[in-house]
Amino acid sequence: MLTLARRRLVQTAALRSQSLALRGYAVQQPSGLDEGELNIHNKLNGTFDPVELAVQDVSGGCGTFYAISIASEAFRGLPTVKQHRLVNEVLKKEIEGIHGLQLRTSVPPSS
């Protein structure tokens, strides 16, 4: 049985795949990302279709601590803890290999 967070993630992925037929990614991939930053950026961009996404290796380049800021409609109506759980689930494999993660999630302003 899927947990509510997993169900939300699956629903978000389904909605995102439908919207890709109509438009491209909301956030363009910035230049100058290292391999770890690029991997995290691509996973989050592909799952949450964020309107804002910043991924930075703040460990001095060794890839052990990342700061992430993400704003997505997928988080609307969810408390911060559940937003963070969704991101952590997507980055589960990456989180296993790092020492720290600074995460800031938000919902974009309504249009």
C-alpha atoms as a PDB file:
ATOM      1  CA  MET A   1       0.000   0.000   0.000  1.00  0.00           C
ATOM      2  CA  LEU A   2       1.377   3.391  -0.986  1.00  0.00           C
ATOM      3  CA  THR A   3       1.869   5.995   1.676  1.00  0.00           C
ATOM      4  CA  LEU A   4       0.296   9.390   1.132  1.00  0.00           C
ATOM      5  CA  ALA A   5       3.696  10.915   0.313  1.00  0.00           C
ATOM      6  CA  ARG A   6       4.443   8.215  -2.268  1.00  0.00           C
ATOM      7  CA  ARG A   7       0.969   8.582  -3.788  1.00  0.00           C
ATOM      8  CA  ARG A   8       1.526  12.335  -4.055  1.00  0.00           C
ATOM      9  CA  LEU A   9       4.909  11.714  -5.700  1.00  0.00           C
ATOM     10  CA  VAL A  10       3.378   9.293  -8.216  1.00  0.00           C
ATOM     11  CA  GLN A  11       0.564  11.733  -8.964  1.00  0.00           C
ATOM     12  CA  THR A  12       3.069  14.557  -9.396  1.00  0.00           C
ATOM     13  CA  ALA A  13       5.151  12.482 -11.793  1.00  0.00           C
ATOM     14  CA  ALA A  14       2.045  11.595 -13.820  1.00  0.00           C
ATOM     15  CA  LEU A  15       0.928  15.215 -14.002  1.00  0.00           C
ATOM     16  CA  ARG A  16       4.421  16.279 -14.961  1.00  0.00           C
ATOM     17  CA  SER A  17       4.630  13.758 -17.802  1.00  0.00           C
ATOM     18  CA  GLN A  18       1.315  15.058 -19.152  1.00  0.00           C
ATOM     19  CA  SER A  19       2.496  18.658 -18.963  1.00  0.00           C
ATOM     20  CA  LEU A  20       5.786  17.902 -20.752  1.00  0.00           C
ATOM     21  CA  ALA A  21       3.833  17.346 -23.945  1.00  0.00           C
ATOM     22  CA  LEU A  22       2.723  20.966 -23.693  1.00  0.00           C
ATOM     23  CA  ARG A  23       5.922  22.646 -22.499  1.00  0.00           C
ATOM     24  CA  GLY A  24       9.525  22.040 -21.518  1.00  0.00           C
ATOM     25  CA  TYR A  25      11.124  22.168 -18.103  1.00  0.00           C
ATOM     26  CA  ALA A  26      10.288  25.184 -15.993  1.00  0.00           C
ATOM     27  CA  VAL A  27      13.864  25.551 -14.813  1.00  0.00           C
ATOM     28  CA  GLN A  28      16.724  25.630 -17.275  1.00  0.00           C
ATOM     29  CA  GLN A  29      19.844  23.755 -16.275  1.00  0.00           C
ATOM     30  CA  PRO A  30      22.452  26.270 -15.110  1.00  0.00           C
ATOM     31  CA  SER A  31      25.971  26.025 -16.457  1.00  0.00           C
ATOM     32  CA  GLY A  32      28.921  25.283 -14.196  1.00  0.00           C
ATOM     33  CA  LEU A  33      27.335  22.525 -12.096  1.00  0.00           C
ATOM     34  CA  ASP A  34      29.608  19.698 -10.999  1.00  0.00           C
ATOM     35  CA  GLU A  35      28.539  16.084 -11.501  1.00  0.00           C
ATOM     36  CA  GLY A  36      26.816  15.757  -8.104  1.00  0.00           C
ATOM     37  CA  GLU A  37      24.959  19.058  -8.449  1.00  0.00           C
ATOM     38  CA  LEU A  38      23.895  18.150 -11.985  1.00  0.00           C
ATOM     39  CA  ASN A  39      22.570  14.756 -10.913  1.00  0.00           C
ATOM     40  CA  ILE A  40      20.509  16.259  -8.071  1.00  0.00           C
ATOM     41  CA  HIS A  41      19.292  19.128 -10.269  1.00  0.00           C
ATOM     42  CA  ASN A  42      18.124  16.762 -13.011  1.00  0.00           C
ATOM     43  CA  LYS A  43      16.297  14.444 -10.607  1.00  0.00           C
ATOM     44  CA  LEU A  44      14.452  17.270  -8.856  1.00  0.00           C
ATOM     45  CA  ASN A  45      13.692  19.102 -12.100  1.00  0.00           C
ATOM     46  CA  GLY A  46      12.364  15.914 -13.667  1.00  0.00           C
ATOM     47  CA  THR A  47      10.155  15.003 -10.726  1.00  0.00           C
ATOM     48  CA  PHE A  48       8.783  18.275  -9.397  1.00  0.00           C
ATOM     49  CA  ASP A  49       8.772  20.579 -12.467  1.00  0.00           C
ATOM     50  CA  PRO A  50       9.862  23.457 -10.217  1.00  0.00           C
ATOM     51  CA  VAL A  51       9.537  27.140 -11.010  1.00  0.00           C
ATOM     52  CA  GLU A  52      12.713  27.727  -8.996  1.00  0.00           C
ATOM     53  CA  LEU A  53      15.571  25.333  -8.310  1.00  0.00           C
ATOM     54  CA  ALA A  54      19.075  25.904  -6.971  1.00  0.00           C
ATOM     55  CA  VAL A  55      21.518  23.135  -6.080  1.00  0.00           C
ATOM     56  CA  GLN A  56      24.924  23.959  -4.635  1.00  0.00           C
ATOM     57  CA  ASP A  57      27.746  21.812  -3.285  1.00  0.00           C
ATOM     58  CA  VAL A  58      28.664  23.763  -0.148  1.00  0.00           C
ATOM     59  CA  SER A  59      31.288  21.278   1.025  1.00  0.00           C
ATOM     60  CA  GLY A  60      34.102  22.925  -0.881  1.00  0.00           C
ATOM     61  CA  GLY A  61      33.700  20.695  -3.909  1.00  0.00           C
ATOM     62  CA  CYS A  62      34.023  17.255  -2.334  1.00  0.00           C
ATOM     63  CA  GLY A  63      30.291  16.473  -2.706  1.00  0.00           C
ATOM     64  CA  THR A  64      29.494  15.726   0.926  1.00  0.00           C
ATOM     65  CA  PHE A  65      27.113  18.610   1.725  1.00  0.00           C
ATOM     66  CA  TYR A  66      24.505  20.219  -0.538  1.00  0.00           C
ATOM     67  CA  ALA A  67      22.214  23.211  -0.233  1.00  0.00           C
ATOM     68  CA  ILE A  68      18.985  22.917  -2.209  1.00  0.00           C
ATOM     69  CA  SER A  69      16.246  25.480  -2.707  1.00  0.00           C
ATOM     70  CA  ILE A  70      13.170  24.401  -4.663  1.00  0.00           C
ATOM     71  CA  ALA A  71       9.755  25.951  -5.330  1.00  0.00           C
ATOM     72  CA  SER A  72       7.109  23.739  -6.914  1.00  0.00           C
ATOM     73  CA  GLU A  73       3.337  23.463  -7.274  1.00  0.00           C
ATOM     74  CA  ALA A  74       3.750  19.830  -6.162  1.00  0.00           C
ATOM     75  CA  PHE A  75       4.188  21.166  -2.622  1.00  0.00           C
ATOM     76  CA  ARG A  76       0.943  23.171  -2.548  1.00  0.00           C
ATOM     77  CA  GLY A  77      -1.202  22.221   0.438  1.00  0.00           C
ATOM     78  CA  LEU A  78       1.532  20.164   2.088  1.00  0.00           C
ATOM     79  CA  PRO A  79       3.268  21.063   5.341  1.00  0.00           C
ATOM     80  CA  THR A  80       7.013  21.663   5.127  1.00  0.00           C
ATOM     81  CA  VAL A  81       7.819  18.281   6.688  1.00  0.00           C
ATOM     82  CA  LYS A  82       5.921  16.454   3.920  1.00  0.00           C
ATOM     83  CA  GLN A  83       7.537  18.631   1.249  1.00  0.00           C
ATOM     84  CA  HIS A  84      10.946  17.665   2.598  1.00  0.00           C
ATOM     85  CA  ARG A  85       9.977  13.990   2.739  1.00  0.00           C
ATOM     86  CA  LEU A  86       9.053  14.081  -0.956  1.00  0.00           C
ATOM     87  CA  VAL A  87      12.425  15.580  -1.872  1.00  0.00           C
ATOM     88  CA  ASN A  88      14.268  13.136   0.391  1.00  0.00           C
ATOM     89  CA  GLU A  89      12.459  10.206  -1.263  1.00  0.00           C
ATOM     90  CA  VAL A  90      13.545  11.357  -4.729  1.00  0.00           C
ATOM     91  CA  LEU A  91      17.141  11.836  -3.544  1.00  0.00           C
ATOM     92  CA  LYS A  92      17.264   8.694  -1.395  1.00  0.00           C
ATOM     93  CA  LYS A  93      20.220   7.177  -3.272  1.00  0.00           C
ATOM     94  CA  GLU A  94      22.179  10.455  -3.293  1.00  0.00           C
ATOM     95  CA  ILE A  95      21.531  11.128   0.397  1.00  0.00           C
ATOM     96  CA  GLU A  96      23.105   7.771   1.317  1.00  0.00           C
ATOM     97  CA  GLY A  97      26.471   9.053   0.085  1.00  0.00           C
ATOM     98  CA  ILE A  98      26.535  12.536   1.586  1.00  0.00           C
ATOM     99  CA  HIS A  99      26.991  13.904   5.091  1.00  0.00           C
ATOM    100  CA  GLY A 100      24.556  16.796   5.038  1.00  0.00           C
ATOM    101  CA  LEU A 101      21.688  18.405   3.198  1.00  0.00           C
ATOM    102  CA  GLN A 102      20.319  21.893   3.677  1.00  0.00           C
ATOM    103  CA  LEU A 103      16.838  21.922   2.142  1.00  0.00           C
ATOM    104  CA  ARG A 104      14.476  24.832   1.573  1.00  0.00           C
ATOM    105  CA  THR A 105      11.157  24.045  -0.109  1.00  0.00           C
ATOM    106  CA  SER A 106       8.385  26.449  -0.988  1.00  0.00           C
ATOM    107  CA  VAL A 107       5.227  26.864  -2.999  1.00  0.00           C
ATOM    108  CA  PRO A 108       5.285  29.466  -5.780  1.00  0.00           C
ATOM    109  CA  PRO A 109       2.891  32.395  -5.416  1.00  0.00           C
ATOM    110  CA  SER A 110      -0.549  31.823  -6.979  1.00  0.00           C
ATOM    111  CA  SER A 111      -0.947  33.326 -10.418  1.00  0.00           C
END
